[in-house]
Amino acid sequence: MERIIESLTIFMFRALKMGELVNMNQIKVNFPAIDLADNKNMIAVQVTTNASPAKIKKTIESFEKINEIGESLKDKYSTLYIFGFCKASRYLTPSYCKIIDPSYFVNELCDKADEDMVQDMIDAIRRHHDYTSLHPWSDKDSLEIILNIINRNAIKHRMSCEGSLSDMLTGLKEINEVITKGTIQRKQRSKSISDFKDQSMVKFMRGVMDDLSVIQAIVNKSKVNQGDMVYISHEDMINIDKLKAKIASDSSEIARLNNIDITLNVVDL
């Protein structure tokens, strides 16, 4: 439990841009007083499930303890955080010491009002939890959301009808992002492929990702002198259209199997 909390704490500090913490116990087993530290920013963190008065007192004493060469951790780190993950007691501490609990991170997010930081924090928490047990979307609901995102111009239009190759690639990247992460431009839209339990849906999404990868490869090889200009041959345009048609057909079939009222077609204008 402690190791999971320590790992989560590293990512939460990073999300708030408070420091790049390193687990000191990986450098030295049973590192005294602290668990995590950022030497550059002079930050030290003690992580515990219960920051009781006794725990706080012991941590501060160890932090201030002078070693055989006349130095202490206090000389190296200007700030000490004692993070009580489940409980943090009130305790009179030196000015360099801050007793915090999870609400501290929520308040920091509210004060900073930075959407990227909020998403980074969500990502950190998801990374350290079995997210499927908390997720509000069923497999079917999430699949329907993903199918509606696939059912856009990037897939529906044949290459002869594409107005902007850049717009098409952006659309394809959004499909890949919503499948792999459940987000579009980092905003939550669905759950990710790793959160699905239905293996037929997982197989479908993996197939779509494979097809998108081939389309991207065709575009990449068609770049002129590896620059921004792209010349796609007639043969490759046909190949891309075939891949789009396959994605549309596979999407329609998985929708039918799950009683979702969506039919995808690649169209000529």
C-alpha atoms as a PDB file:
ATOM      1  CA  MET A   1       0.000   0.000   0.000  1.00  0.00           C
ATOM      2  CA  GLU A   2       2.739   2.454   0.989  1.00  0.00           C
ATOM      3  CA  ARG A   3       4.604   1.910  -2.292  1.00  0.00           C
ATOM      4  CA  ILE A   4       1.490   2.589  -4.344  1.00  0.00           C
ATOM      5  CA  ILE A   5       0.865   5.815  -2.408  1.00  0.00           C
ATOM      6  CA  GLU A   6       4.493   6.874  -2.818  1.00  0.00           C
ATOM      7  CA  SER A   7       4.285   6.321  -6.572  1.00  0.00           C
ATOM      8  CA  LEU A   8       0.981   8.205  -6.792  1.00  0.00           C
ATOM      9  CA  THR A   9       2.451  11.100  -4.792  1.00  0.00           C
ATOM     10  CA  ILE A  10       5.297  11.454  -7.292  1.00  0.00           C
ATOM     11  CA  PHE A  11       2.804  11.868 -10.142  1.00  0.00           C
ATOM     12  CA  MET A  12       0.565  14.259  -8.181  1.00  0.00           C
ATOM     13  CA  PHE A  13       3.479  16.573  -7.371  1.00  0.00           C
ATOM     14  CA  ARG A  14       4.489  16.412 -11.028  1.00  0.00           C
ATOM     15  CA  ALA A  15       0.953  17.210 -12.200  1.00  0.00           C
ATOM     16  CA  LEU A  16       0.941  20.367 -10.067  1.00  0.00           C
ATOM     17  CA  LYS A  17       4.472  21.235 -11.219  1.00  0.00           C
ATOM     18  CA  MET A  18       5.579  21.200  -7.587  1.00  0.00           C
ATOM     19  CA  GLY A  19       8.638  19.059  -8.220  1.00  0.00           C
ATOM     20  CA  GLU A  20      10.163  16.007  -9.866  1.00  0.00           C
ATOM     21  CA  LEU A  21      10.315  13.657  -6.918  1.00  0.00           C
ATOM     22  CA  VAL A  22      12.526  10.589  -6.694  1.00  0.00           C
ATOM     23  CA  ASN A  23      11.862   7.634  -4.402  1.00  0.00           C
ATOM     24  CA  MET A  24      14.718   7.741  -1.902  1.00  0.00           C
ATOM     25  CA  ASN A  25      14.001   4.194  -0.718  1.00  0.00           C
ATOM     26  CA  GLN A  26      15.106   2.976  -4.137  1.00  0.00           C
ATOM     27  CA  ILE A  27      18.437   4.718  -3.609  1.00  0.00           C
ATOM     28  CA  LYS A  28      18.894   3.485  -0.056  1.00  0.00           C
ATOM     29  CA  VAL A  29      16.679   0.967   1.739  1.00  0.00           C
ATOM     30  CA  ASN A  30      14.900   2.513   4.757  1.00  0.00           C
ATOM     31  CA  PHE A  31      16.100   6.009   3.897  1.00  0.00           C
ATOM     32  CA  PRO A  32      15.807   8.076   7.107  1.00  0.00           C
ATOM     33  CA  ALA A  33      12.891  10.501   7.712  1.00  0.00           C
ATOM     34  CA  ILE A  34      11.719  10.905   4.106  1.00  0.00           C
ATOM     35  CA  ASP A  35      10.427   8.756   1.240  1.00  0.00           C
ATOM     36  CA  LEU A  36      10.618  11.130  -1.727  1.00  0.00           C
ATOM     37  CA  ALA A  37      12.779  14.103  -2.648  1.00  0.00           C
ATOM     38  CA  ASP A  38      13.592  16.624  -5.351  1.00  0.00           C
ATOM     39  CA  ASN A  39      17.186  17.708  -4.784  1.00  0.00           C
ATOM     40  CA  LYS A  40      17.047  20.509  -7.357  1.00  0.00           C
ATOM     41  CA  ASN A  41      14.012  22.206  -5.802  1.00  0.00           C
ATOM     42  CA  MET A  42      15.057  21.205  -2.262  1.00  0.00           C
ATOM     43  CA  ILE A  43      11.751  19.438  -1.503  1.00  0.00           C
ATOM     44  CA  ALA A  44      11.384  16.371   0.713  1.00  0.00           C
ATOM     45  CA  VAL A  45       8.241  14.300   1.300  1.00  0.00           C
ATOM     46  CA  GLN A  46       7.319  11.760   3.951  1.00  0.00           C
ATOM     47  CA  VAL A  47       4.360   9.625   2.837  1.00  0.00           C
ATOM     48  CA  THR A  48       2.180   7.766   5.318  1.00  0.00           C
ATOM     49  CA  THR A  49      -1.387   6.499   5.522  1.00  0.00           C
ATOM     50  CA  ASN A  50      -1.834   8.162   8.926  1.00  0.00           C
ATOM     51  CA  ALA A  51       0.122  11.303   9.776  1.00  0.00           C
ATOM     52  CA  SER A  52      -0.419  10.979  13.524  1.00  0.00           C
ATOM     53  CA  PRO A  53       1.210  13.360  16.034  1.00  0.00           C
ATOM     54  CA  ALA A  54       3.690  10.630  16.970  1.00  0.00           C
ATOM     55  CA  LYS A  55       4.571  10.032  13.300  1.00  0.00           C
ATOM     56  CA  ILE A  56       4.974  13.752  12.632  1.00  0.00           C
ATOM     57  CA  LYS A  57       7.163  14.233  15.711  1.00  0.00           C
ATOM     58  CA  LYS A  58       9.385  11.291  14.795  1.00  0.00           C
ATOM     59  CA  THR A  59       9.742  12.464  11.177  1.00  0.00           C
ATOM     60  CA  ILE A  60      10.775  15.987  12.190  1.00  0.00           C
ATOM     61  CA  GLU A  61      13.284  14.657  14.713  1.00  0.00           C
ATOM     62  CA  SER A  62      14.852  12.395  12.085  1.00  0.00           C
ATOM     63  CA  PHE A  63      14.808  15.226   9.536  1.00  0.00           C
ATOM     64  CA  GLU A  64      16.717  17.516  11.907  1.00  0.00           C
ATOM     65  CA  LYS A  65      19.079  14.847  13.238  1.00  0.00           C
ATOM     66  CA  ILE A  66      22.726  15.747  12.665  1.00  0.00           C
ATOM     67  CA  ASN A  67      24.907  12.987  11.236  1.00  0.00           C
ATOM     68  CA  GLU A  68      28.560  12.191  11.894  1.00  0.00           C
ATOM     69  CA  ILE A  69      29.784  14.945   9.553  1.00  0.00           C
ATOM     70  CA  GLY A  70      27.616  17.594  11.183  1.00  0.00           C
ATOM     71  CA  GLU A  71      24.830  17.749   8.574  1.00  0.00           C
ATOM     72  CA  SER A  72      21.108  17.011   8.593  1.00  0.00           C
ATOM     73  CA  LEU A  73      18.431  16.565   5.944  1.00  0.00           C
ATOM     74  CA  LYS A  74      17.171  19.993   6.978  1.00  0.00           C
ATOM     75  CA  ASP A  75      20.392  21.474   5.573  1.00  0.00           C
ATOM     76  CA  LYS A  76      19.695  19.884   2.189  1.00  0.00           C
ATOM     77  CA  TYR A  77      15.933  20.417   1.842  1.00  0.00           C
ATOM     78  CA  SER A  78      14.179  23.734   2.477  1.00  0.00           C
ATOM     79  CA  THR A  79      10.662  22.251   2.569  1.00  0.00           C
ATOM     80  CA  LEU A  80       9.366  19.064   4.163  1.00  0.00           C
ATOM     81  CA  TYR A  81       5.894  17.768   3.318  1.00  0.00           C
ATOM     82  CA  ILE A  82       4.359  15.126   5.567  1.00  0.00           C
ATOM     83  CA  PHE A  83       1.552  13.620   3.493  1.00  0.00           C
ATOM     84  CA  GLY A  84      -1.127  11.725   5.399  1.00  0.00           C
ATOM     85  CA  PHE A  85      -2.958   9.911   2.625  1.00  0.00           C
ATOM     86  CA  CYS A  86      -5.871   8.707   4.787  1.00  0.00           C
ATOM     87  CA  LYS A  87      -5.531  11.013   7.778  1.00  0.00           C
ATOM     88  CA  ALA A  88      -3.408  14.025   8.721  1.00  0.00           C
ATOM     89  CA  SER A  89      -3.456  15.258  12.316  1.00  0.00           C
ATOM     90  CA  ARG A  90      -3.063  18.868  13.347  1.00  0.00           C
ATOM     91  CA  TYR A  91       0.336  19.422  14.864  1.00  0.00           C
ATOM     92  CA  LEU A  92       2.511  22.445  15.575  1.00  0.00           C
ATOM     93  CA  THR A  93       5.452  22.212  13.176  1.00  0.00           C
ATOM     94  CA  PRO A  94       8.492  24.292  12.195  1.00  0.00           C
ATOM     95  CA  SER A  95       7.964  26.793   9.372  1.00  0.00           C
ATOM     96  CA  TYR A  96       9.690  24.546   6.837  1.00  0.00           C
ATOM     97  CA  CYS A  97       7.253  21.656   7.459  1.00  0.00           C
ATOM     98  CA  LYS A  98       3.787  21.291   5.903  1.00  0.00           C
ATOM     99  CA  ILE A  99       1.276  18.653   7.005  1.00  0.00           C
ATOM    100  CA  ILE A 100      -0.977  17.802   4.052  1.00  0.00           C
ATOM    101  CA  ASP A 101      -3.731  15.386   3.042  1.00  0.00           C
ATOM    102  CA  PRO A 102      -5.424  14.752  -0.356  1.00  0.00           C
ATOM    103  CA  SER A 103      -7.533  17.919   0.004  1.00  0.00           C
ATOM    104  CA  TYR A 104      -4.320  19.927  -0.315  1.00  0.00           C
ATOM    105  CA  PHE A 105      -3.969  18.833  -3.940  1.00  0.00           C
ATOM    106  CA  VAL A 106      -7.629  19.613  -4.680  1.00  0.00           C
ATOM    107  CA  ASN A 107      -7.216  23.130  -3.266  1.00  0.00           C
ATOM    108  CA  GLU A 108      -4.052  23.653  -5.299  1.00  0.00           C
ATOM    109  CA  LEU A 109      -5.882  22.619  -8.467  1.00  0.00           C
ATOM    110  CA  CYS A 110      -8.728  25.027  -7.691  1.00  0.00           C
ATOM    111  CA  ASP A 111      -6.312  27.884  -7.017  1.00  0.00           C
ATOM    112  CA  LYS A 112      -4.339  27.324 -10.209  1.00  0.00           C
ATOM    113  CA  ALA A 113      -7.468  26.743 -12.358  1.00  0.00           C
ATOM    114  CA  ASP A 114      -5.333  25.013 -14.998  1.00  0.00           C
ATOM    115  CA  GLU A 115      -7.205  22.457 -17.107  1.00  0.00           C
ATOM    116  CA  ASP A 116      -4.018  20.637 -18.125  1.00  0.00           C
ATOM    117  CA  MET A 117      -3.052  20.211 -14.474  1.00  0.00           C
ATOM    118  CA  VAL A 118      -6.495  18.801 -13.699  1.00  0.00           C
ATOM    119  CA  GLN A 119      -6.164  16.277 -16.532  1.00  0.00           C
ATOM    120  CA  ASP A 120      -2.632  15.370 -15.416  1.00  0.00           C
ATOM    121  CA  MET A 121      -3.977  14.718 -11.917  1.00  0.00           C
ATOM    122  CA  ILE A 122      -6.781  12.540 -13.295  1.00  0.00           C
ATOM    123  CA  ASP A 123      -4.227  10.610 -15.344  1.00  0.00           C
ATOM    124  CA  ALA A 124      -2.071  10.107 -12.234  1.00  0.00           C
ATOM    125  CA  ILE A 125      -4.982   8.727 -10.231  1.00  0.00           C
ATOM    126  CA  ARG A 126      -6.152   6.479 -13.073  1.00  0.00           C
ATOM    127  CA  ARG A 127      -2.647   5.107 -13.445  1.00  0.00           C
ATOM    128  CA  HIS A 128      -2.732   3.907  -9.841  1.00  0.00           C
ATOM    129  CA  HIS A 129      -6.256   2.537  -9.573  1.00  0.00           C
ATOM    130  CA  ASP A 130      -8.389  -0.167 -11.106  1.00  0.00           C
ATOM    131  CA  TYR A 131     -10.408   2.432 -12.957  1.00  0.00           C
ATOM    132  CA  THR A 132     -12.957  -0.035 -14.345  1.00  0.00           C
ATOM    133  CA  SER A 133     -14.566  -0.381 -10.900  1.00  0.00           C
ATOM    134  CA  LEU A 134     -15.282   3.363 -10.812  1.00  0.00           C
ATOM    135  CA  HIS A 135     -16.060   4.114 -14.430  1.00  0.00           C
ATOM    136  CA  PRO A 136     -19.595   5.435 -15.033  1.00  0.00           C
ATOM    137  CA  TRP A 137     -19.831   4.210 -18.635  1.00  0.00           C
ATOM    138  CA  SER A 138     -20.779   0.711 -19.689  1.00  0.00           C
ATOM    139  CA  ASP A 139     -18.925  -0.943 -22.573  1.00  0.00           C
ATOM    140  CA  LYS A 140     -21.893  -0.382 -24.879  1.00  0.00           C
ATOM    141  CA  ASP A 141     -22.253   3.316 -23.990  1.00  0.00           C
ATOM    142  CA  SER A 142     -18.539   3.907 -24.555  1.00  0.00           C
ATOM    143  CA  LEU A 143     -18.583   1.985 -27.834  1.00  0.00           C
ATOM    144  CA  GLU A 144     -21.448   4.138 -29.096  1.00  0.00           C
ATOM    145  CA  ILE A 145     -19.498   7.304 -28.252  1.00  0.00           C
ATOM    146  CA  ILE A 146     -16.436   5.981 -30.100  1.00  0.00           C
ATOM    147  CA  LEU A 147     -18.522   4.951 -33.133  1.00  0.00           C
ATOM    148  CA  ASN A 148     -20.039   8.433 -33.352  1.00  0.00           C
ATOM    149  CA  ILE A 149     -16.527   9.895 -33.391  1.00  0.00           C
ATOM    150  CA  ILE A 150     -15.470   7.450 -36.115  1.00  0.00           C
ATOM    151  CA  ASN A 151     -18.596   8.431 -38.084  1.00  0.00           C
ATOM    152  CA  ARG A 152     -17.128  11.766 -39.151  1.00  0.00           C
ATOM    153  CA  ASN A 153     -15.688  13.180 -42.353  1.00  0.00           C
ATOM    154  CA  ALA A 154     -12.172  11.793 -41.789  1.00  0.00           C
ATOM    155  CA  ILE A 155     -13.548   8.291 -42.417  1.00  0.00           C
ATOM    156  CA  LYS A 156     -16.728   9.047 -44.394  1.00  0.00           C
ATOM    157  CA  HIS A 157     -15.103  11.004 -47.240  1.00  0.00           C
ATOM    158  CA  ARG A 158     -13.191   9.271 -50.005  1.00  0.00           C
ATOM    159  CA  MET A 159      -9.789  10.777 -50.773  1.00  0.00           C
ATOM    160  CA  SER A 160     -11.118  12.436 -53.925  1.00  0.00           C
ATOM    161  CA  CYS A 161     -13.515  14.374 -51.688  1.00  0.00           C
ATOM    162  CA  GLU A 162     -11.068  15.353 -48.944  1.00  0.00           C
ATOM    163  CA  GLY A 163     -10.768  19.126 -48.737  1.00  0.00           C
ATOM    164  CA  SER A 164      -7.824  19.253 -46.342  1.00  0.00           C
ATOM    165  CA  LEU A 165      -5.379  16.430 -45.700  1.00  0.00           C
ATOM    166  CA  SER A 166      -4.382  18.121 -42.440  1.00  0.00           C
ATOM    167  CA  ASP A 167      -8.004  18.091 -41.231  1.00  0.00           C
ATOM    168  CA  MET A 168      -8.318  14.424 -42.165  1.00  0.00           C
ATOM    169  CA  LEU A 169      -5.180  13.503 -40.211  1.00  0.00           C
ATOM    170  CA  THR A 170      -6.427  15.484 -37.205  1.00  0.00           C
ATOM    171  CA  GLY A 171      -9.695  13.548 -37.359  1.00  0.00           C
ATOM    172  CA  LEU A 172      -7.865  10.220 -37.558  1.00  0.00           C
ATOM    173  CA  LYS A 173      -5.656  11.166 -34.601  1.00  0.00           C
ATOM    174  CA  GLU A 174      -8.777  12.006 -32.570  1.00  0.00           C
ATOM    175  CA  ILE A 175     -10.199   8.554 -33.324  1.00  0.00           C
ATOM    176  CA  ASN A 176      -6.949   6.942 -32.202  1.00  0.00           C
ATOM    177  CA  GLU A 177      -6.842   9.109 -29.056  1.00  0.00           C
ATOM    178  CA  VAL A 178     -10.418   8.356 -28.006  1.00  0.00           C
ATOM    179  CA  ILE A 179      -9.774   4.626 -28.414  1.00  0.00           C
ATOM    180  CA  THR A 180      -6.428   4.534 -26.609  1.00  0.00           C
ATOM    181  CA  LYS A 181      -7.125   7.132 -23.895  1.00  0.00           C
ATOM    182  CA  GLY A 182     -10.858   7.836 -23.930  1.00  0.00           C
ATOM    183  CA  THR A 183     -10.106  11.514 -24.590  1.00  0.00           C
ATOM    184  CA  ILE A 184     -10.108  14.044 -27.409  1.00  0.00           C
ATOM    185  CA  GLN A 185      -7.560  16.811 -26.942  1.00  0.00           C
ATOM    186  CA  ARG A 186      -7.204  15.482 -23.377  1.00  0.00           C
ATOM    187  CA  LYS A 187     -10.888  16.022 -22.532  1.00  0.00           C
ATOM    188  CA  GLN A 188     -12.664  12.882 -21.345  1.00  0.00           C
ATOM    189  CA  ARG A 189     -15.171  11.548 -23.862  1.00  0.00           C
ATOM    190  CA  SER A 190     -15.335   7.820 -23.145  1.00  0.00           C
ATOM    191  CA  LYS A 191     -13.354   5.120 -21.413  1.00  0.00           C
ATOM    192  CA  SER A 192     -10.179   3.796 -23.010  1.00  0.00           C
ATOM    193  CA  ILE A 193      -9.697   0.440 -24.707  1.00  0.00           C
ATOM    194  CA  SER A 194      -7.912  -0.899 -21.618  1.00  0.00           C
ATOM    195  CA  ASP A 195     -11.085  -0.311 -19.554  1.00  0.00           C
ATOM    196  CA  PHE A 196     -13.329  -2.433 -21.814  1.00  0.00           C
ATOM    197  CA  LYS A 197     -14.262  -5.946 -20.721  1.00  0.00           C
ATOM    198  CA  ASP A 198     -16.042  -7.062 -23.911  1.00  0.00           C
ATOM    199  CA  GLN A 199     -13.295  -8.717 -25.977  1.00  0.00           C
ATOM    200  CA  SER A 200     -15.188  -8.420 -29.270  1.00  0.00           C
ATOM    201  CA  MET A 201     -15.212  -4.634 -28.807  1.00  0.00           C
ATOM    202  CA  VAL A 202     -11.526  -4.667 -27.882  1.00  0.00           C
ATOM    203  CA  LYS A 203     -10.726  -6.674 -31.028  1.00  0.00           C
ATOM    204  CA  PHE A 204     -12.703  -4.200 -33.153  1.00  0.00           C
ATOM    205  CA  MET A 205     -10.886  -1.184 -31.693  1.00  0.00           C
ATOM    206  CA  ARG A 206      -7.487  -2.803 -32.151  1.00  0.00           C
ATOM    207  CA  GLY A 207      -8.382  -3.411 -35.779  1.00  0.00           C
ATOM    208  CA  VAL A 208      -9.320   0.252 -36.237  1.00  0.00           C
ATOM    209  CA  MET A 209      -6.022   1.351 -34.670  1.00  0.00           C
ATOM    210  CA  ASP A 210      -4.120  -0.967 -37.021  1.00  0.00           C
ATOM    211  CA  ASP A 211      -5.936   0.464 -40.054  1.00  0.00           C
ATOM    212  CA  LEU A 212      -5.310   4.045 -38.897  1.00  0.00           C
ATOM    213  CA  SER A 213      -1.628   3.221 -38.488  1.00  0.00           C
ATOM    214  CA  VAL A 214      -1.430   2.010 -42.091  1.00  0.00           C
ATOM    215  CA  ILE A 215      -3.112   5.206 -43.347  1.00  0.00           C
ATOM    216  CA  GLN A 216      -0.634   7.297 -41.362  1.00  0.00           C
ATOM    217  CA  ALA A 217       2.257   5.273 -42.797  1.00  0.00           C
ATOM    218  CA  ILE A 218       1.016   5.889 -46.356  1.00  0.00           C
ATOM    219  CA  VAL A 219       0.828   9.637 -45.694  1.00  0.00           C
ATOM    220  CA  ASN A 220       4.274   9.687 -44.087  1.00  0.00           C
ATOM    221  CA  LYS A 221       5.938   7.944 -47.030  1.00  0.00           C
ATOM    222  CA  SER A 222       4.214  10.407 -49.395  1.00  0.00           C
ATOM    223  CA  LYS A 223       5.835  13.480 -47.861  1.00  0.00           C
ATOM    224  CA  VAL A 224       7.964  15.412 -50.326  1.00  0.00           C
ATOM    225  CA  ASN A 225      11.595  15.475 -49.127  1.00  0.00           C
ATOM    226  CA  GLN A 226      10.327  14.676 -45.608  1.00  0.00           C
ATOM    227  CA  GLY A 227       8.747  18.134 -45.453  1.00  0.00           C
ATOM    228  CA  ASP A 228       5.170  19.309 -44.891  1.00  0.00           C
ATOM    229  CA  MET A 229       4.125  18.896 -48.522  1.00  0.00           C
ATOM    230  CA  VAL A 230       2.484  15.577 -49.360  1.00  0.00           C
ATOM    231  CA  TYR A 231       1.959  13.919 -52.730  1.00  0.00           C
ATOM    232  CA  ILE A 232      -0.206  10.808 -52.475  1.00  0.00           C
ATOM    233  CA  SER A 233      -0.261   8.659 -55.589  1.00  0.00           C
ATOM    234  CA  HIS A 234      -3.524   7.510 -57.148  1.00  0.00           C
ATOM    235  CA  GLU A 235      -2.735   3.947 -56.064  1.00  0.00           C
ATOM    236  CA  ASP A 236      -2.195   5.005 -52.442  1.00  0.00           C
ATOM    237  CA  MET A 237      -5.396   7.072 -52.473  1.00  0.00           C
ATOM    238  CA  ILE A 238      -7.249   3.902 -53.496  1.00  0.00           C
ATOM    239  CA  ASN A 239      -5.534   1.988 -50.677  1.00  0.00           C
ATOM    240  CA  ILE A 240      -6.564   4.631 -48.137  1.00  0.00           C
ATOM    241  CA  ASP A 241     -10.147   4.515 -49.430  1.00  0.00           C
ATOM    242  CA  LYS A 242     -10.143   0.728 -48.967  1.00  0.00           C
ATOM    243  CA  LEU A 243      -8.955   1.126 -45.371  1.00  0.00           C
ATOM    244  CA  LYS A 244     -11.643   3.743 -44.708  1.00  0.00           C
ATOM    245  CA  ALA A 245     -14.262   1.406 -46.177  1.00  0.00           C
ATOM    246  CA  LYS A 246     -13.005  -1.425 -43.965  1.00  0.00           C
ATOM    247  CA  ILE A 247     -13.214   0.764 -40.846  1.00  0.00           C
ATOM    248  CA  ALA A 248     -16.746   1.836 -41.828  1.00  0.00           C
ATOM    249  CA  SER A 249     -17.821  -1.768 -42.469  1.00  0.00           C
ATOM    250  CA  ASP A 250     -16.288  -3.065 -39.228  1.00  0.00           C
ATOM    251  CA  SER A 251     -17.897  -0.190 -37.306  1.00  0.00           C
ATOM    252  CA  SER A 252     -21.327  -0.908 -38.764  1.00  0.00           C
ATOM    253  CA  GLU A 253     -20.980  -4.605 -37.924  1.00  0.00           C
ATOM    254  CA  ILE A 254     -19.949  -4.063 -34.281  1.00  0.00           C
ATOM    255  CA  ALA A 255     -22.801  -1.560 -33.946  1.00  0.00           C
ATOM    256  CA  ARG A 256     -25.281  -4.128 -35.313  1.00  0.00           C
ATOM    257  CA  LEU A 257     -24.016  -6.839 -32.956  1.00  0.00           C
ATOM    258  CA  ASN A 258     -24.570  -4.544 -29.981  1.00  0.00           C
ATOM    259  CA  ASN A 259     -27.925  -3.070 -31.080  1.00  0.00           C
ATOM    260  CA  ILE A 260     -26.467   0.396 -31.660  1.00  0.00           C
ATOM    261  CA  ASP A 261     -28.310   2.349 -34.343  1.00  0.00           C
ATOM    262  CA  ILE A 262     -25.305   3.551 -36.356  1.00  0.00           C
ATOM    263  CA  THR A 263     -24.405   2.674 -39.946  1.00  0.00           C
ATOM    264  CA  LEU A 264     -21.206   4.009 -41.485  1.00  0.00           C
ATOM    265  CA  ASN A 265     -20.614   4.459 -45.197  1.00  0.00           C
ATOM    266  CA  VAL A 266     -17.776   5.984 -47.186  1.00  0.00           C
ATOM    267  CA  VAL A 267     -19.397   8.458 -49.560  1.00  0.00           C
ATOM    268  CA  ASP A 268     -18.644  10.340 -52.788  1.00  0.00           C
ATOM    269  CA  LEU A 269     -19.882  13.907 -53.021  1.00  0.00           C
END
